[in-house]
N, C-alpha and C. Protein backbone atom coordinates (compact mmCIF):
# COMPACT_ATOMS: atom_id res chain seq x y z
N MET A 1 0.83 -1.18 0.00
CA MET A 1 0.00 0.00 0.00
C MET A 1 0.87 1.25 0.00
N HIS A 2 1.94 1.21 0.76
CA HIS A 2 2.81 2.39 0.84
C HIS A 2 3.40 2.73 -0.53
N SER A 3 3.77 1.71 -1.31
CA SER A 3 4.35 1.98 -2.62
C SER A 3 3.32 2.62 -3.56
N ILE A 4 2.06 2.22 -3.43
CA ILE A 4 1.01 2.82 -4.27
C ILE A 4 0.79 4.27 -3.87
N VAL A 5 0.72 4.54 -2.58
CA VAL A 5 0.51 5.91 -2.11
C VAL A 5 1.70 6.78 -2.52
N ASN A 6 2.91 6.27 -2.38
CA ASN A 6 4.09 7.04 -2.78
C ASN A 6 4.10 7.32 -4.27
N ALA A 7 3.65 6.36 -5.08
CA ALA A 7 3.58 6.58 -6.53
C ALA A 7 2.57 7.67 -6.86
N CYS A 8 1.46 7.70 -6.15
CA CYS A 8 0.48 8.76 -6.35
C CYS A 8 1.07 10.12 -5.99
N GLY A 9 1.92 10.13 -4.98
CA GLY A 9 2.58 11.37 -4.58
C GLY A 9 3.49 11.93 -5.66
N GLU A 10 4.01 11.05 -6.51
CA GLU A 10 4.89 11.50 -7.59
C GLU A 10 4.13 12.30 -8.65
N VAL A 11 2.83 12.10 -8.77
CA VAL A 11 2.04 12.82 -9.77
C VAL A 11 1.11 13.85 -9.12
N GLN A 12 1.28 14.08 -7.84
CA GLN A 12 0.38 14.96 -7.11
C GLN A 12 0.28 16.36 -7.74
N GLN A 13 1.38 16.92 -8.15
CA GLN A 13 1.33 18.28 -8.72
C GLN A 13 0.45 18.35 -9.95
N ASN A 14 0.49 17.31 -10.77
CA ASN A 14 -0.37 17.27 -11.95
C ASN A 14 -1.83 17.08 -11.56
N VAL A 15 -2.09 16.23 -10.60
CA VAL A 15 -3.47 16.00 -10.15
C VAL A 15 -4.06 17.27 -9.54
N LEU A 16 -3.25 18.03 -8.84
CA LEU A 16 -3.73 19.26 -8.21
C LEU A 16 -4.25 20.27 -9.23
N LEU A 17 -3.82 20.16 -10.48
CA LEU A 17 -4.34 21.04 -11.53
C LEU A 17 -5.82 20.76 -11.79
N HIS A 18 -6.24 19.54 -11.54
CA HIS A 18 -7.61 19.12 -11.81
C HIS A 18 -8.45 18.97 -10.54
N GLU A 19 -7.79 18.65 -9.43
CA GLU A 19 -8.49 18.43 -8.15
C GLU A 19 -7.68 19.08 -7.03
N PRO A 20 -7.98 20.34 -6.73
CA PRO A 20 -7.18 21.08 -5.74
C PRO A 20 -7.20 20.50 -4.33
N ASP A 21 -8.18 19.65 -4.03
CA ASP A 21 -8.27 19.07 -2.68
C ASP A 21 -7.65 17.68 -2.60
N TYR A 22 -6.90 17.28 -3.62
CA TYR A 22 -6.25 15.97 -3.62
C TYR A 22 -5.31 15.89 -2.41
N PRO A 23 -5.40 14.81 -1.62
CA PRO A 23 -4.61 14.74 -0.39
C PRO A 23 -3.12 14.56 -0.65
N THR A 24 -2.33 15.00 0.30
CA THR A 24 -0.89 14.82 0.20
C THR A 24 -0.51 13.38 0.54
N THR A 25 0.67 12.99 0.11
CA THR A 25 1.16 11.65 0.42
C THR A 25 1.21 11.46 1.94
N GLY A 26 1.69 12.45 2.64
CA GLY A 26 1.81 12.36 4.09
C GLY A 26 0.47 12.19 4.78
N SER A 27 -0.55 12.90 4.30
CA SER A 27 -1.86 12.78 4.95
C SER A 27 -2.48 11.41 4.72
N VAL A 28 -2.22 10.80 3.56
CA VAL A 28 -2.74 9.46 3.31
C VAL A 28 -1.96 8.43 4.13
N LEU A 29 -0.63 8.55 4.12
CA LEU A 29 0.18 7.60 4.88
C LEU A 29 -0.11 7.67 6.38
N ALA A 30 -0.56 8.83 6.84
CA ALA A 30 -0.85 8.99 8.27
C ALA A 30 -2.04 8.13 8.71
N VAL A 31 -2.90 7.74 7.77
CA VAL A 31 -4.07 6.94 8.13
C VAL A 31 -3.99 5.49 7.64
N VAL A 32 -2.93 5.14 6.93
CA VAL A 32 -2.76 3.76 6.46
C VAL A 32 -2.26 2.91 7.62
N ARG A 33 -2.92 1.79 7.84
CA ARG A 33 -2.54 0.88 8.90
C ARG A 33 -2.38 -0.53 8.34
N GLN A 34 -1.56 -1.32 8.98
CA GLN A 34 -1.38 -2.70 8.58
C GLN A 34 -2.60 -3.50 9.00
N GLY A 35 -3.11 -4.31 8.12
CA GLY A 35 -4.25 -5.16 8.43
C GLY A 35 -3.80 -6.50 8.96
N LYS A 36 -4.76 -7.39 9.11
CA LYS A 36 -4.47 -8.74 9.58
C LYS A 36 -3.70 -9.49 8.49
N PRO A 37 -2.74 -10.31 8.87
CA PRO A 37 -1.95 -11.04 7.87
C PRO A 37 -2.70 -12.22 7.25
N LYS A 38 -3.83 -12.61 7.84
CA LYS A 38 -4.62 -13.72 7.31
C LYS A 38 -5.66 -13.20 6.32
N CYS A 39 -6.18 -14.10 5.48
CA CYS A 39 -7.26 -13.72 4.58
C CYS A 39 -8.23 -14.89 4.42
N GLY A 40 -9.38 -14.59 3.84
CA GLY A 40 -10.38 -15.62 3.61
C GLY A 40 -11.00 -16.13 4.90
N VAL A 41 -11.40 -17.40 4.89
CA VAL A 41 -12.09 -18.01 6.02
C VAL A 41 -11.20 -18.02 7.26
N ASN A 42 -9.90 -18.09 7.09
CA ASN A 42 -8.98 -18.11 8.23
C ASN A 42 -8.95 -16.78 9.00
N ALA A 43 -9.52 -15.73 8.41
CA ALA A 43 -9.46 -14.41 9.02
C ALA A 43 -10.75 -14.01 9.72
N VAL A 44 -11.71 -14.92 9.83
CA VAL A 44 -12.98 -14.58 10.48
C VAL A 44 -13.21 -15.48 11.69
N GLY A 45 -14.01 -14.98 12.63
CA GLY A 45 -14.33 -15.77 13.80
C GLY A 45 -13.81 -15.14 15.08
N ASP A 46 -13.94 -15.87 16.16
CA ASP A 46 -13.51 -15.38 17.47
C ASP A 46 -12.02 -15.03 17.48
N GLY A 47 -11.69 -13.89 18.06
CA GLY A 47 -10.30 -13.48 18.20
C GLY A 47 -9.67 -12.91 16.93
N GLN A 48 -10.48 -12.64 15.91
CA GLN A 48 -9.93 -12.16 14.63
C GLN A 48 -10.23 -10.69 14.36
N ASP A 49 -10.64 -9.94 15.38
CA ASP A 49 -10.93 -8.53 15.19
C ASP A 49 -9.65 -7.75 14.91
N SER A 50 -9.79 -6.70 14.08
CA SER A 50 -8.66 -5.82 13.80
C SER A 50 -8.42 -4.93 15.01
N PRO A 51 -7.18 -4.46 15.19
CA PRO A 51 -6.90 -3.56 16.32
C PRO A 51 -7.56 -2.21 16.13
């Protein structure tokens, strides 16, 4: 996810020409959190809540 957000940051100046409220890389990275390492059926049930 971080690599995608950072790539978006590389074109931010161009995007700002069309969308002045486009968020900064820093503001997006500030809310990105690591999710659970499991997926599918193994990620549901008791004790599988996200922090």
